[in-house]
Amino acid sequence: MIRLMKPYLRYEDMEQDFREVFESGIFTRGRNVEAFSAEFAEYVGAKHAFFATSATTALWVCLRLLKISPGDEVAVSDFSFPATANVVEDVGAHPVFIDVDLATFNMRPDDLEAKINERTKAVIFVDALGNPTGLHQIKAICERRGIPLIEDAACAIGSMEAGQKCGAIADLTCFSFHPRKLLSTGEGGAITTRRDDWAEWLRVKLAHGAKGTQGLGLDFVDYGYNFRLPELQAIMGRKQLTRMDEVIDRRSAVRASYIEHLMPLGFIPQDVGRDVRYNVQSLVFRVPETVDRDALVHSLKDFEVEATLGTYCLSGTTYFRHRYADVQPTALHLDARTITLPCYEGVPVDIVAERIASSIKTIRA
């Protein structure tokens, strides 16, 4: 079976570090977590980096930092995994779904402008499938309106626009370390920011509300949370971080081969801006109008090829459709017409693209 994705992890790279952790007995708040935080911030170009248990908890913490509460509105990209809107719902605010561009799959600036009002307290821009195209446009709108910008960069480690990496552009940026991501620690996430005051809030809140003292124990100056990343997971992250640029270059080559083989069959790749470096987190195409996407995904299984949908139209899911009745048309179209195809290390580029293109030709014959 040609899988959608395999984590970029090699046990032999981590074995010695794992052994040292077991021998030391320090499984949390050790040197690897501290080093990973500094290395991650440096890699993405952020001033501060903090870890969480997932991108979901990272997003939730950011909403708490911004004091988002019932009665507030948060503008949300409508083509994403439901976690992006779930956190808004959880704090009692109203997610206002912003439709996306048919080509890039990212938030449309014109739709955002039309829906901002006095109740809009934050904007969550999603780098759809790792693609940050248009992020600076959205940032400019937020700066002009005085609205904080949260970047849901769950898929976007290593991606960049206009010479800046995701993690150094928005006011707050949230990453995921899920197994489907280019950098995986099993589960986990990160928050980056350039603001010192927000960094201090995060430092305290993510440590149970505690600060160190000159005496014994801690001084609990606020209530807080425990969303820590353990030492073993930090080792996993550190080892992969050193390979990120190499991994992205390889995935870009895979994407180019797919485009060469599938565009003649009518498949349309996700559009990426000229000033964008795309990490190819997920290799997604719009299928031709003559193709039944769901049937194609099922048929590819017979050829030992794993495939799935692109991602979700949030406003079209059962919960949000019934709650708000404001389904965005382009996001709904992409939900039904996009397909994710395999992209991972260990299989020659042309073999994957040629085999899958050949399978699609056979299925359509």
Protein backbone atom coordinates (compact mmCIF):
# COMPACT_ATOMS: atom_id res chain seq x y z
CA MET A 1 0.00 0.00 0.00
CA ILE A 2 1.29 3.45 -0.94
CA ARG A 3 0.43 5.43 2.18
CA LEU A 4 -0.67 9.07 2.29
CA MET A 5 2.13 9.94 4.68
CA LYS A 6 4.80 8.31 6.81
CA PRO A 7 6.38 10.25 9.70
CA TYR A 8 9.93 11.46 9.12
CA LEU A 9 11.25 9.63 12.17
CA ARG A 10 14.25 7.32 12.47
CA TYR A 11 14.60 5.45 15.73
CA GLU A 12 18.34 5.02 15.32
CA ASP A 13 18.70 8.83 15.37
CA MET A 14 17.06 9.02 18.79
CA GLU A 15 18.06 5.81 20.57
CA GLN A 16 21.02 7.24 22.49
CA ASP A 17 19.08 10.33 23.58
CA PHE A 18 16.15 8.17 24.70
CA ARG A 19 18.53 6.02 26.74
CA GLU A 20 19.96 9.09 28.46
CA VAL A 21 16.49 10.23 29.46
CA PHE A 22 15.63 6.83 30.93
CA GLU A 23 18.92 6.73 32.80
CA SER A 24 18.45 10.24 34.17
CA GLY A 25 14.83 9.72 35.17
CA ILE A 26 14.00 13.25 33.96
CA PHE A 27 11.00 12.80 31.67
CA THR A 28 9.62 16.32 31.76
CA ARG A 29 10.94 19.90 31.95
CA GLY A 30 14.42 18.72 31.02
CA ARG A 31 17.18 19.98 28.77
CA ASN A 32 15.62 18.63 25.55
CA VAL A 33 12.39 20.58 25.98
CA GLU A 34 14.35 23.73 26.68
CA ALA A 35 16.64 23.17 23.69
CA PHE A 36 13.75 22.28 21.37
CA SER A 37 11.95 25.50 22.31
CA ALA A 38 14.98 27.61 21.41
CA GLU A 39 15.70 25.66 18.22
CA PHE A 40 12.08 25.80 17.09
CA ALA A 41 11.88 29.56 17.62
CA GLU A 42 15.11 30.05 15.69
CA TYR A 43 13.96 27.84 12.82
CA VAL A 44 10.67 29.68 12.26
CA GLY A 45 12.15 33.10 13.00
CA ALA A 46 10.04 33.78 16.09
CA LYS A 47 11.15 35.62 19.21
CA HIS A 48 9.33 33.26 21.58
CA ALA A 49 8.11 29.65 21.29
CA PHE A 50 6.02 27.63 23.76
CA PHE A 51 4.77 24.04 23.54
CA ALA A 52 1.30 22.59 23.98
CA THR A 53 -0.31 19.17 23.75
CA SER A 54 -1.70 19.88 20.26
CA ALA A 55 -2.46 22.68 17.83
CA THR A 56 -5.99 22.60 19.24
CA THR A 57 -4.88 23.41 22.77
CA ALA A 58 -2.46 25.98 21.33
CA LEU A 59 -5.33 27.76 19.53
CA TRP A 60 -7.50 27.58 22.64
CA VAL A 61 -4.75 29.14 24.75
CA CYS A 62 -4.37 31.97 22.23
CA LEU A 63 -8.07 32.76 22.48
CA ARG A 64 -7.74 32.84 26.26
CA LEU A 65 -4.74 35.16 25.96
CA LEU A 66 -6.82 37.55 23.82
CA LYS A 67 -9.71 37.34 26.31
CA ILE A 68 -12.14 36.13 23.66
CA SER A 69 -15.49 35.59 25.39
CA PRO A 70 -19.24 35.16 24.78
CA GLY A 71 -20.60 37.86 22.49
CA ASP A 72 -17.32 38.18 20.58
CA GLU A 73 -16.84 37.13 16.97
CA VAL A 74 -13.77 35.44 15.52
CA ALA A 75 -13.33 35.33 11.73
CA VAL A 76 -12.23 31.82 10.69
CA SER A 77 -11.01 30.36 7.39
CA ASP A 78 -13.75 28.00 6.26
CA PHE A 79 -11.60 25.27 4.65
CA SER A 80 -9.86 23.52 7.55
CA PHE A 81 -10.09 20.78 10.15
CA PRO A 82 -12.93 21.47 12.64
CA ALA A 83 -10.51 22.18 15.51
CA THR A 84 -10.00 25.68 14.06
CA ALA A 85 -13.61 26.61 14.78
CA ASN A 86 -14.19 24.27 17.73
CA VAL A 87 -11.93 26.33 19.99
CA VAL A 88 -13.92 29.48 19.19
CA GLU A 89 -17.13 27.69 20.03
CA ASP A 90 -15.63 26.35 23.25
CA VAL A 91 -14.88 29.81 24.67
CA GLY A 92 -18.45 30.88 23.88
CA ALA A 93 -17.64 33.16 20.95
CA HIS A 94 -19.19 33.10 17.48
CA PRO A 95 -17.04 31.73 14.64
CA VAL A 96 -17.75 33.78 11.52
CA PHE A 97 -16.80 31.67 8.52
CA ILE A 98 -14.82 33.39 5.79
CA ASP A 99 -14.98 31.80 2.36
CA VAL A 100 -11.80 30.79 0.61
CA ASP A 101 -10.14 31.25 -2.76
CA LEU A 102 -10.89 28.49 -5.26
CA ALA A 103 -7.25 28.27 -6.37
CA THR A 104 -5.24 28.70 -3.15
CA PHE A 105 -7.89 27.32 -0.71
CA ASN A 106 -7.05 30.21 1.65
CA MET A 107 -9.11 32.98 3.25
CA ARG A 108 -10.43 35.58 0.80
CA PRO A 109 -9.47 39.14 1.81
CA ASP A 110 -12.64 40.62 0.27
CA ASP A 111 -14.92 38.29 2.23
CA LEU A 112 -13.03 39.04 5.43
CA GLU A 113 -13.38 42.80 4.87
CA ALA A 114 -17.11 42.40 4.29
CA LYS A 115 -17.66 40.45 7.53
CA ILE A 116 -15.53 42.39 10.01
CA ASN A 117 -17.54 44.46 12.46
CA GLU A 118 -17.24 45.93 15.96
CA ARG A 119 -17.69 42.48 17.52
CA THR A 120 -14.74 40.96 15.59
CA LYS A 121 -12.04 40.38 18.20
CA ALA A 122 -9.62 38.12 16.25
CA VAL A 123 -8.99 36.54 12.86
CA ILE A 124 -7.79 32.95 12.43
CA PHE A 125 -6.05 32.48 9.09
CA VAL A 126 -5.44 28.85 8.12
CA ASP A 127 -2.45 27.90 5.95
CA ALA A 128 -4.58 25.43 4.01
CA LEU A 129 -2.69 22.13 3.80
CA GLY A 130 0.53 24.05 4.56
CA ASN A 131 0.10 26.81 1.95
CA PRO A 132 0.53 30.36 3.39
CA THR A 133 -0.39 32.22 0.18
CA GLY A 134 -2.21 35.46 1.03
CA LEU A 135 -1.17 35.57 4.69
CA HIS A 136 0.44 39.00 4.38
CA GLN A 137 -2.72 40.39 2.74
CA ILE A 138 -4.78 39.23 5.69
CA LYS A 139 -2.18 40.60 8.10
CA ALA A 140 -2.44 44.03 6.44
CA ILE A 141 -6.23 44.03 6.90
CA CYS A 142 -5.89 43.04 10.56
CA GLU A 143 -3.28 45.72 11.22
CA ARG A 144 -5.44 48.38 9.57
CA ARG A 145 -8.48 47.32 11.61
CA GLY A 146 -6.54 46.79 14.86
CA ILE A 147 -7.54 43.12 15.12
CA PRO A 148 -5.14 40.41 16.37
CA LEU A 149 -4.18 37.79 13.77
CA ILE A 150 -3.85 34.16 14.82
CA GLU A 151 -2.28 31.88 12.22
CA ASP A 152 -3.42 28.27 12.28
CA ALA A 153 -0.15 26.90 10.93
CA ALA A 154 -0.91 23.34 12.04
CA CYS A 155 0.26 22.13 8.62
CA ALA A 156 2.78 24.85 7.79
CA ILE A 157 6.10 24.10 9.52
CA GLY A 158 8.81 25.39 7.17
CA SER A 159 6.46 27.21 4.80
CA MET A 160 7.12 30.87 4.10
CA GLU A 161 5.74 33.91 2.28
CA ALA A 162 7.65 37.04 1.22
CA GLY A 163 10.82 35.79 2.86
CA GLN A 164 9.26 35.14 6.28
CA LYS A 165 8.51 31.72 7.69
CA CYS A 166 5.18 30.82 9.21
CA GLY A 167 5.66 31.53 12.89
CA ALA A 168 7.19 34.96 12.36
CA ILE A 169 4.36 36.72 10.48
CA ALA A 170 1.14 36.65 12.50
CA ASP A 171 0.67 38.01 16.03
CA LEU A 172 0.26 34.45 17.29
CA THR A 173 1.00 31.26 15.37
CA CYS A 174 -0.03 27.72 16.28
CA PHE A 175 1.63 24.53 14.99
CA SER A 176 0.77 20.83 15.18
CA PHE A 177 3.10 17.88 15.76
CA HIS A 178 0.47 15.24 14.83
CA PRO A 179 1.68 12.07 13.00
CA ARG A 180 0.36 13.41 9.66
CA LYS A 181 2.58 16.48 9.98
CA LEU A 182 6.12 16.92 8.60
CA LEU A 183 7.42 17.26 12.14
CA SER A 184 5.71 14.78 14.42
CA THR A 185 6.12 14.04 18.11
CA GLY A 186 3.12 11.69 18.16
CA GLU A 187 0.94 14.50 19.45
CA GLY A 188 1.91 18.02 20.44
CA GLY A 189 1.91 21.60 19.28
CA ALA A 190 3.54 25.00 19.61
CA ILE A 191 2.71 28.70 19.93
CA THR A 192 5.01 31.45 18.67
CA THR A 193 4.84 35.20 19.15
CA ARG A 194 7.11 38.22 18.95
CA ARG A 195 5.40 40.10 21.81
CA ASP A 196 7.21 40.03 25.15
CA ASP A 197 4.07 40.71 27.20
CA TRP A 198 2.19 37.84 25.58
CA ALA A 199 5.24 35.62 26.02
CA GLU A 200 5.27 36.36 29.75
CA TRP A 201 1.54 35.54 29.99
CA LEU A 202 2.14 32.23 28.17
CA ARG A 203 5.16 31.41 30.32
CA VAL A 204 3.10 31.74 33.50
CA LYS A 205 -0.17 30.25 32.24
CA LEU A 206 1.50 27.17 30.75
CA ALA A 207 3.26 26.49 34.07
CA HIS A 208 0.17 26.23 36.31
CA GLY A 209 0.26 29.99 36.85
CA ALA A 210 3.60 29.74 38.62
CA LYS A 211 6.74 31.84 38.81
CA GLY A 212 10.01 30.87 40.43
CA THR A 213 11.07 32.36 43.74
CA GLN A 214 14.38 32.81 45.52
CA GLY A 215 13.18 30.50 48.28
CA LEU A 216 11.69 27.02 48.21
CA GLY A 217 8.78 26.14 45.96
CA LEU A 218 6.91 28.34 43.52
CA ASP A 219 4.83 31.47 43.68
CA PHE A 220 1.46 30.88 41.99
CA VAL A 221 0.59 34.33 40.69
CA ASP A 222 -2.32 33.20 38.48
CA TYR A 223 -4.32 30.11 37.68
CA GLY A 224 -2.89 28.11 34.77
CA TYR A 225 -2.62 24.93 32.75
CA ASN A 226 -0.42 21.91 32.15
CA PHE A 227 -0.04 21.33 28.40
CA ARG A 228 3.61 20.26 28.58
CA LEU A 229 5.60 18.39 25.96
CA PRO A 230 7.62 15.53 27.56
CA GLU A 231 11.36 15.04 27.08
CA LEU A 232 11.00 12.02 24.76
CA GLN A 233 8.72 13.99 22.44
CA ALA A 234 11.11 16.92 22.48
CA ILE A 235 13.91 14.61 21.32
CA MET A 236 11.70 13.46 18.43
CA GLY A 237 11.04 17.06 17.46
CA ARG A 238 14.67 18.15 17.68
CA LYS A 239 15.91 15.35 15.43
CA GLN A 240 13.32 16.07 12.73
CA LEU A 241 13.81 19.83 12.87
CA THR A 242 17.36 19.46 11.56
CA ARG A 243 15.97 17.75 8.43
CA MET A 244 13.00 20.01 7.70
CA ASP A 245 14.42 21.89 4.73
CA GLU A 246 15.68 18.66 3.15
CA VAL A 247 12.26 17.06 3.64
CA ILE A 248 10.49 20.05 2.08
CA ASP A 249 12.79 20.00 -0.96
CA ARG A 250 12.02 16.31 -1.51
CA ARG A 251 8.28 16.82 -1.16
CA SER A 252 8.43 19.71 -3.61
CA ALA A 253 10.00 17.36 -6.15
CA VAL A 254 7.21 14.84 -5.57
CA ARG A 255 4.60 17.58 -6.10
CA ALA A 256 6.24 18.66 -9.37
CA SER A 257 6.12 15.10 -10.66
CA TYR A 258 2.45 14.74 -9.73
CA ILE A 259 1.60 17.97 -11.51
CA GLU A 260 3.40 16.75 -14.62
CA HIS A 261 1.45 13.48 -14.64
CA LEU A 262 -1.99 14.60 -13.43
CA MET A 263 -2.60 17.98 -15.04
CA PRO A 264 -2.96 16.35 -18.49
CA LEU A 265 -5.75 14.26 -16.90
CA GLY A 266 -7.60 17.41 -15.82
CA PHE A 267 -6.48 17.50 -12.17
CA ILE A 268 -5.81 21.03 -10.88
CA PRO A 269 -3.12 21.55 -8.20
CA GLN A 270 -3.52 23.92 -5.26
CA ASP A 271 -2.17 27.30 -6.37
CA VAL A 272 0.86 28.70 -4.56
CA GLY A 273 1.99 32.34 -4.71
CA ARG A 274 5.24 33.28 -6.46
CA ASP A 275 6.77 34.55 -3.23
CA VAL A 276 5.77 31.42 -1.30
CA ARG A 277 7.76 28.40 -0.24
CA TYR A 278 5.20 25.65 0.25
CA ASN A 279 6.12 22.68 2.46
CA VAL A 280 3.67 20.33 0.62
CA GLN A 281 2.20 19.15 3.92
CA SER A 282 -0.64 17.53 1.97
CA LEU A 283 -0.60 16.94 -1.77
CA VAL A 284 -4.05 18.04 -2.87
CA PHE A 285 -5.68 18.45 -6.29
CA ARG A 286 -9.12 19.48 -7.48
CA VAL A 287 -10.54 16.59 -9.46
CA PRO A 288 -12.03 17.09 -12.96
CA GLU A 289 -15.76 17.81 -13.08
CA THR A 290 -16.29 14.46 -14.80
CA VAL A 291 -14.77 12.55 -11.87
CA ASP A 292 -16.64 11.35 -8.78
CA ARG A 293 -14.09 12.12 -6.07
CA ASP A 294 -15.45 9.68 -3.50
CA ALA A 295 -15.64 6.85 -6.00
CA LEU A 296 -12.06 7.58 -7.09
CA VAL A 297 -10.78 7.39 -3.51
CA HIS A 298 -12.50 4.03 -3.02
CA SER A 299 -11.25 2.70 -6.36
CA LEU A 300 -7.65 3.66 -5.63
CA LYS A 301 -7.69 1.26 -2.68
CA ASP A 302 -7.93 -1.59 -5.17
CA PHE A 303 -4.63 -0.37 -6.62
CA GLU A 304 -2.99 -0.25 -3.17
CA VAL A 305 -3.06 3.56 -3.13
CA GLU A 306 -4.28 5.45 -0.06
CA ALA A 307 -6.21 8.67 -0.76
CA THR A 308 -8.73 10.86 1.01
CA LEU A 309 -10.55 14.19 0.76
CA GLY A 310 -8.65 17.50 0.91
CA THR A 311 -10.17 18.85 4.15
CA TYR A 312 -13.52 20.16 5.40
CA CYS A 313 -15.91 23.01 4.75
CA LEU A 314 -16.44 23.91 8.41
CA SER A 315 -19.67 25.81 7.83
CA GLY A 316 -21.03 22.77 5.99
CA THR A 317 -20.47 20.25 8.79
CA THR A 318 -23.62 19.06 10.55
CA TYR A 319 -22.95 20.94 13.79
CA PHE A 320 -22.04 24.34 12.34
CA ARG A 321 -24.58 24.16 9.49
CA HIS A 322 -27.41 23.60 11.96
CA ARG A 323 -26.09 26.17 14.43
CA TYR A 324 -25.37 29.06 12.06
CA ALA A 325 -26.91 28.19 8.66
CA ASP A 326 -24.22 30.15 6.82
CA VAL A 327 -22.50 27.69 4.48
CA GLN A 328 -19.71 29.18 2.33
CA PRO A 329 -20.02 28.07 -1.33
CA THR A 330 -16.37 27.82 -2.39
CA ALA A 331 -15.33 25.96 0.75
CA LEU A 332 -18.26 23.57 0.22
CA HIS A 333 -17.18 23.01 -3.39
CA LEU A 334 -13.61 22.24 -2.34
CA ASP A 335 -14.85 19.87 0.35
CA ALA A 336 -16.50 17.78 -2.37
CA ARG A 337 -13.97 18.21 -5.19
CA THR A 338 -10.48 17.87 -3.66
CA ILE A 339 -8.38 14.76 -3.20
CA THR A 340 -5.25 14.17 -1.13
CA LEU A 341 -2.69 11.80 -2.65
CA PRO A 342 0.39 10.07 -1.17
CA CYS A 343 3.55 12.04 -0.57
CA TYR A 344 6.27 10.61 1.65
CA GLU A 345 9.91 9.66 1.89
CA GLY A 346 11.31 6.34 0.72
CA VAL A 347 9.69 5.81 -2.68
CA PRO A 348 11.20 7.19 -5.91
CA VAL A 349 9.34 10.30 -7.04
CA ASP A 350 8.45 9.21 -10.55
CA ILE A 351 7.34 5.74 -9.49
CA VAL A 352 4.69 7.14 -7.17
CA ALA A 353 3.34 9.75 -9.58
CA GLU A 354 3.43 7.45 -12.61
CA ARG A 355 1.80 4.55 -10.75
CA ILE A 356 -0.98 6.71 -9.36
CA ALA A 357 -1.57 8.45 -12.69
CA SER A 358 -1.70 5.03 -14.37
CA SER A 359 -4.16 3.78 -11.76
CA ILE A 360 -6.40 6.81 -12.31
CA LYS A 361 -6.33 6.27 -16.07
CA THR A 362 -7.35 2.65 -15.57
CA ILE A 363 -10.16 3.58 -13.18
CA ARG A 364 -11.53 6.18 -15.62
CA ALA A 365 -11.27 3.90 -18.67
